[in-house]
Amino acid sequence: MVALRYLTIILFLTPLILTAQEKWVIFSGKVINKETGELLISCNISFEKSPFHTVTDKKGNYSIMIPSGEHEVTFSFIGFKSLTKKISPSSKMENYVLNILLEPSTLIGKEITITAKKDEPSTVVQEIMP
């Protein structure tokens, strides 16, 4: 009976011990406009099939703790092409630095002309179709 109790405790604690030994890595870097060199503020950084997510600060920096191992990370920002990278920080690393250059993307549509007259109200409603 005592052996069964010890076996039960070991079976319940083994996953906790293995999880506690998982190595975490600081994943950080900068996100930069490829054409102008400007730092991108509030760029989204998300990990595929994972709850991890962060955004860049006012200096274009990001930093997040992630478990070591293989990850697919996506950098996205309005007006720029999204970029997905595969990373594999090893358990021997403490920091994994990745600086990203995002390319601007242009939305192409029909030409829109907006006109106003001084004597008319300033409300203009126009339907835009792609």
C-alpha atoms as a PDB file:
ATOM      1  CA  MET A   1       0.000   0.000   0.000  1.00  0.00           C
ATOM      2  CA  VAL A   2       2.867   2.369   0.856  1.00  0.00           C
ATOM      3  CA  ALA A   3       4.592   1.500  -2.435  1.00  0.00           C
ATOM      4  CA  LEU A   4       1.407   2.370  -4.340  1.00  0.00           C
ATOM      5  CA  ARG A   5       1.239   5.744  -2.586  1.00  0.00           C
ATOM      6  CA  TYR A   6       4.867   6.529  -3.496  1.00  0.00           C
ATOM      7  CA  LEU A   7       4.315   5.414  -7.084  1.00  0.00           C
ATOM      8  CA  THR A   8       1.268   7.698  -7.351  1.00  0.00           C
ATOM      9  CA  ILE A   9       3.226  10.676  -5.993  1.00  0.00           C
ATOM     10  CA  ILE A  10       6.092  10.039  -8.426  1.00  0.00           C
ATOM     11  CA  LEU A  11       3.714   9.767 -11.392  1.00  0.00           C
ATOM     12  CA  PHE A  12       2.053  13.088 -10.497  1.00  0.00           C
ATOM     13  CA  LEU A  13       5.301  14.954  -9.787  1.00  0.00           C
ATOM     14  CA  THR A  14       7.285  13.799 -12.850  1.00  0.00           C
ATOM     15  CA  PRO A  15       5.519  16.144 -15.338  1.00  0.00           C
ATOM     16  CA  LEU A  16       5.907  19.050 -12.905  1.00  0.00           C
ATOM     17  CA  ILE A  17       9.615  18.394 -12.497  1.00  0.00           C
ATOM     18  CA  LEU A  18      10.142  18.135 -16.270  1.00  0.00           C
ATOM     19  CA  THR A  19       8.218  21.370 -16.866  1.00  0.00           C
ATOM     20  CA  ALA A  20      10.148  23.188 -14.157  1.00  0.00           C
ATOM     21  CA  GLN A  21      13.415  22.213 -15.857  1.00  0.00           C
ATOM     22  CA  GLU A  22      12.366  23.752 -19.179  1.00  0.00           C
ATOM     23  CA  LYS A  23      14.868  26.455 -20.123  1.00  0.00           C
ATOM     24  CA  TRP A  24      13.556  29.930 -20.962  1.00  0.00           C
ATOM     25  CA  VAL A  25      15.334  32.349 -23.278  1.00  0.00           C
ATOM     26  CA  ILE A  26      15.059  36.141 -23.626  1.00  0.00           C
ATOM     27  CA  PHE A  27      14.113  36.805 -27.274  1.00  0.00           C
ATOM     28  CA  SER A  28      14.778  40.438 -28.190  1.00  0.00           C
ATOM     29  CA  GLY A  29      15.776  42.860 -30.923  1.00  0.00           C
ATOM     30  CA  LYS A  30      14.628  45.850 -32.980  1.00  0.00           C
ATOM     31  CA  VAL A  31      12.144  46.235 -35.833  1.00  0.00           C
ATOM     32  CA  ILE A  32      13.210  48.745 -38.481  1.00  0.00           C
ATOM     33  CA  ASN A  33      11.709  50.208 -41.674  1.00  0.00           C
ATOM     34  CA  LYS A  34      13.859  48.694 -44.449  1.00  0.00           C
ATOM     35  CA  GLU A  35      13.634  51.768 -46.710  1.00  0.00           C
ATOM     36  CA  THR A  36      14.058  54.639 -44.248  1.00  0.00           C
ATOM     37  CA  GLY A  37      15.820  53.055 -41.272  1.00  0.00           C
ATOM     38  CA  GLU A  38      13.146  54.382 -38.909  1.00  0.00           C
ATOM     39  CA  LEU A  39      12.267  52.302 -35.858  1.00  0.00           C
ATOM     40  CA  LEU A  40       8.748  50.840 -35.950  1.00  0.00           C
ATOM     41  CA  ILE A  41       6.678  51.567 -32.843  1.00  0.00           C
ATOM     42  CA  SER A  42       3.973  49.049 -31.789  1.00  0.00           C
ATOM     43  CA  CYS A  43       4.957  46.403 -34.335  1.00  0.00           C
ATOM     44  CA  ASN A  44       3.203  43.104 -33.507  1.00  0.00           C
ATOM     45  CA  ILE A  45       5.348  40.071 -32.731  1.00  0.00           C
ATOM     46  CA  SER A  46       3.442  36.793 -32.403  1.00  0.00           C
ATOM     47  CA  PHE A  47       4.375  33.148 -32.165  1.00  0.00           C
ATOM     48  CA  GLU A  48       2.592  30.502 -34.236  1.00  0.00           C
ATOM     49  CA  LYS A  49       0.696  27.881 -32.159  1.00  0.00           C
ATOM     50  CA  SER A  50       1.664  29.646 -28.952  1.00  0.00           C
ATOM     51  CA  PRO A  51       0.154  32.136 -26.484  1.00  0.00           C
ATOM     52  CA  PHE A  52       3.252  34.364 -26.650  1.00  0.00           C
ATOM     53  CA  HIS A  53       2.844  37.852 -28.113  1.00  0.00           C
ATOM     54  CA  THR A  54       4.431  41.263 -27.689  1.00  0.00           C
ATOM     55  CA  VAL A  55       4.823  44.658 -29.397  1.00  0.00           C
ATOM     56  CA  THR A  56       7.769  46.978 -29.923  1.00  0.00           C
ATOM     57  CA  ASP A  57       8.231  49.961 -27.612  1.00  0.00           C
ATOM     58  CA  LYS A  58       8.706  53.620 -28.593  1.00  0.00           C
ATOM     59  CA  LYS A  59      12.316  52.903 -29.559  1.00  0.00           C
ATOM     60  CA  GLY A  60      11.434  49.919 -31.784  1.00  0.00           C
ATOM     61  CA  ASN A  61      12.732  47.376 -29.247  1.00  0.00           C
ATOM     62  CA  TYR A  62      11.018  44.175 -28.191  1.00  0.00           C
ATOM     63  CA  SER A  63      11.817  41.620 -25.522  1.00  0.00           C
ATOM     64  CA  ILE A  64       9.924  38.522 -24.418  1.00  0.00           C
ATOM     65  CA  MET A  65      10.754  35.334 -22.550  1.00  0.00           C
ATOM     66  CA  ILE A  66      10.060  32.170 -24.534  1.00  0.00           C
ATOM     67  CA  PRO A  67      10.851  28.500 -23.905  1.00  0.00           C
ATOM     68  CA  SER A  68      13.898  27.173 -25.737  1.00  0.00           C
ATOM     69  CA  GLY A  69      13.212  25.123 -28.847  1.00  0.00           C
ATOM     70  CA  GLU A  70      11.816  25.722 -32.314  1.00  0.00           C
ATOM     71  CA  HIS A  71       9.370  28.591 -32.877  1.00  0.00           C
ATOM     72  CA  GLU A  72       7.789  30.354 -35.838  1.00  0.00           C
ATOM     73  CA  VAL A  73       7.585  34.093 -35.139  1.00  0.00           C
ATOM     74  CA  THR A  74       5.692  36.664 -37.234  1.00  0.00           C
ATOM     75  CA  PHE A  75       6.409  40.397 -37.333  1.00  0.00           C
ATOM     76  CA  SER A  76       3.507  42.515 -38.638  1.00  0.00           C
ATOM     77  CA  PHE A  77       2.805  46.231 -38.882  1.00  0.00           C
ATOM     78  CA  ILE A  78       0.110  48.185 -40.757  1.00  0.00           C
ATOM     79  CA  GLY A  79       1.427  49.363 -44.119  1.00  0.00           C
ATOM     80  CA  PHE A  80       4.264  46.811 -44.147  1.00  0.00           C
ATOM     81  CA  LYS A  81       4.685  43.270 -45.470  1.00  0.00           C
ATOM     82  CA  SER A  82       4.507  40.708 -42.666  1.00  0.00           C
ATOM     83  CA  LEU A  83       7.635  38.652 -42.105  1.00  0.00           C
ATOM     84  CA  THR A  84       7.711  35.143 -40.609  1.00  0.00           C
ATOM     85  CA  LYS A  85      10.953  33.597 -39.355  1.00  0.00           C
ATOM     86  CA  LYS A  86      11.778  30.218 -37.854  1.00  0.00           C
ATOM     87  CA  ILE A  87      13.975  30.467 -34.778  1.00  0.00           C
ATOM     88  CA  SER A  88      15.527  27.767 -32.623  1.00  0.00           C
ATOM     89  CA  PRO A  89      17.019  29.131 -29.422  1.00  0.00           C
ATOM     90  CA  SER A  90      18.853  26.307 -27.665  1.00  0.00           C
ATOM     91  CA  SER A  91      18.620  25.537 -23.963  1.00  0.00           C
ATOM     92  CA  LYS A  92      22.266  26.643 -23.624  1.00  0.00           C
ATOM     93  CA  MET A  93      21.395  30.235 -24.610  1.00  0.00           C
ATOM     94  CA  GLU A  94      20.248  32.981 -22.277  1.00  0.00           C
ATOM     95  CA  ASN A  95      19.556  35.602 -24.965  1.00  0.00           C
ATOM     96  CA  TYR A  96      18.480  35.298 -28.595  1.00  0.00           C
ATOM     97  CA  VAL A  97      18.717  38.610 -30.505  1.00  0.00           C
ATOM     98  CA  LEU A  98      17.021  39.105 -33.879  1.00  0.00           C
ATOM     99  CA  ASN A  99      16.811  42.517 -35.570  1.00  0.00           C
ATOM    100  CA  ILE A 100      14.173  42.728 -38.308  1.00  0.00           C
ATOM    101  CA  LEU A 101      13.841  44.928 -41.406  1.00  0.00           C
ATOM    102  CA  LEU A 102      10.232  45.229 -42.603  1.00  0.00           C
ATOM    103  CA  GLU A 103       9.432  46.314 -46.164  1.00  0.00           C
ATOM    104  CA  PRO A 104       6.729  48.926 -46.725  1.00  0.00           C
ATOM    105  CA  SER A 105       3.703  47.687 -48.660  1.00  0.00           C
ATOM    106  CA  THR A 106       1.430  49.859 -50.787  1.00  0.00           C
ATOM    107  CA  LEU A 107      -2.287  49.283 -51.223  1.00  0.00           C
ATOM    108  CA  ILE A 108      -3.298  50.064 -54.792  1.00  0.00           C
ATOM    109  CA  GLY A 109      -6.831  51.191 -55.544  1.00  0.00           C
ATOM    110  CA  LYS A 110      -8.799  53.566 -57.686  1.00  0.00           C
ATOM    111  CA  GLU A 111      -8.050  57.267 -57.542  1.00  0.00           C
ATOM    112  CA  ILE A 112     -10.177  59.232 -55.061  1.00  0.00           C
ATOM    113  CA  THR A 113     -10.874  62.941 -55.443  1.00  0.00           C
ATOM    114  CA  ILE A 114     -12.077  64.907 -52.438  1.00  0.00           C
ATOM    115  CA  THR A 115     -13.388  68.429 -52.907  1.00  0.00           C
ATOM    116  CA  ALA A 116     -14.970  70.935 -50.558  1.00  0.00           C
ATOM    117  CA  LYS A 117     -16.672  74.289 -50.888  1.00  0.00           C
ATOM    118  CA  LYS A 118     -16.631  76.998 -48.304  1.00  0.00           C
ATOM    119  CA  ASP A 119     -20.439  77.462 -48.191  1.00  0.00           C
ATOM    120  CA  GLU A 120     -21.344  73.758 -47.866  1.00  0.00           C
ATOM    121  CA  PRO A 121     -21.235  71.580 -44.736  1.00  0.00           C
ATOM    122  CA  SER A 122     -17.922  69.829 -44.177  1.00  0.00           C
ATOM    123  CA  THR A 123     -19.399  66.321 -44.109  1.00  0.00           C
ATOM    124  CA  VAL A 124     -18.476  64.177 -47.100  1.00  0.00           C
ATOM    125  CA  VAL A 125     -19.589  60.581 -47.614  1.00  0.00           C
ATOM    126  CA  GLN A 126     -18.153  58.546 -50.445  1.00  0.00           C
ATOM    127  CA  GLU A 127     -18.246  54.816 -51.093  1.00  0.00           C
ATOM    128  CA  ILE A 128     -14.842  53.314 -51.865  1.00  0.00           C
ATOM    129  CA  MET A 129     -14.803  50.074 -53.800  1.00  0.00           C
ATOM    130  CA  PRO A 130     -11.632  48.020 -54.307  1.00  0.00           C
END
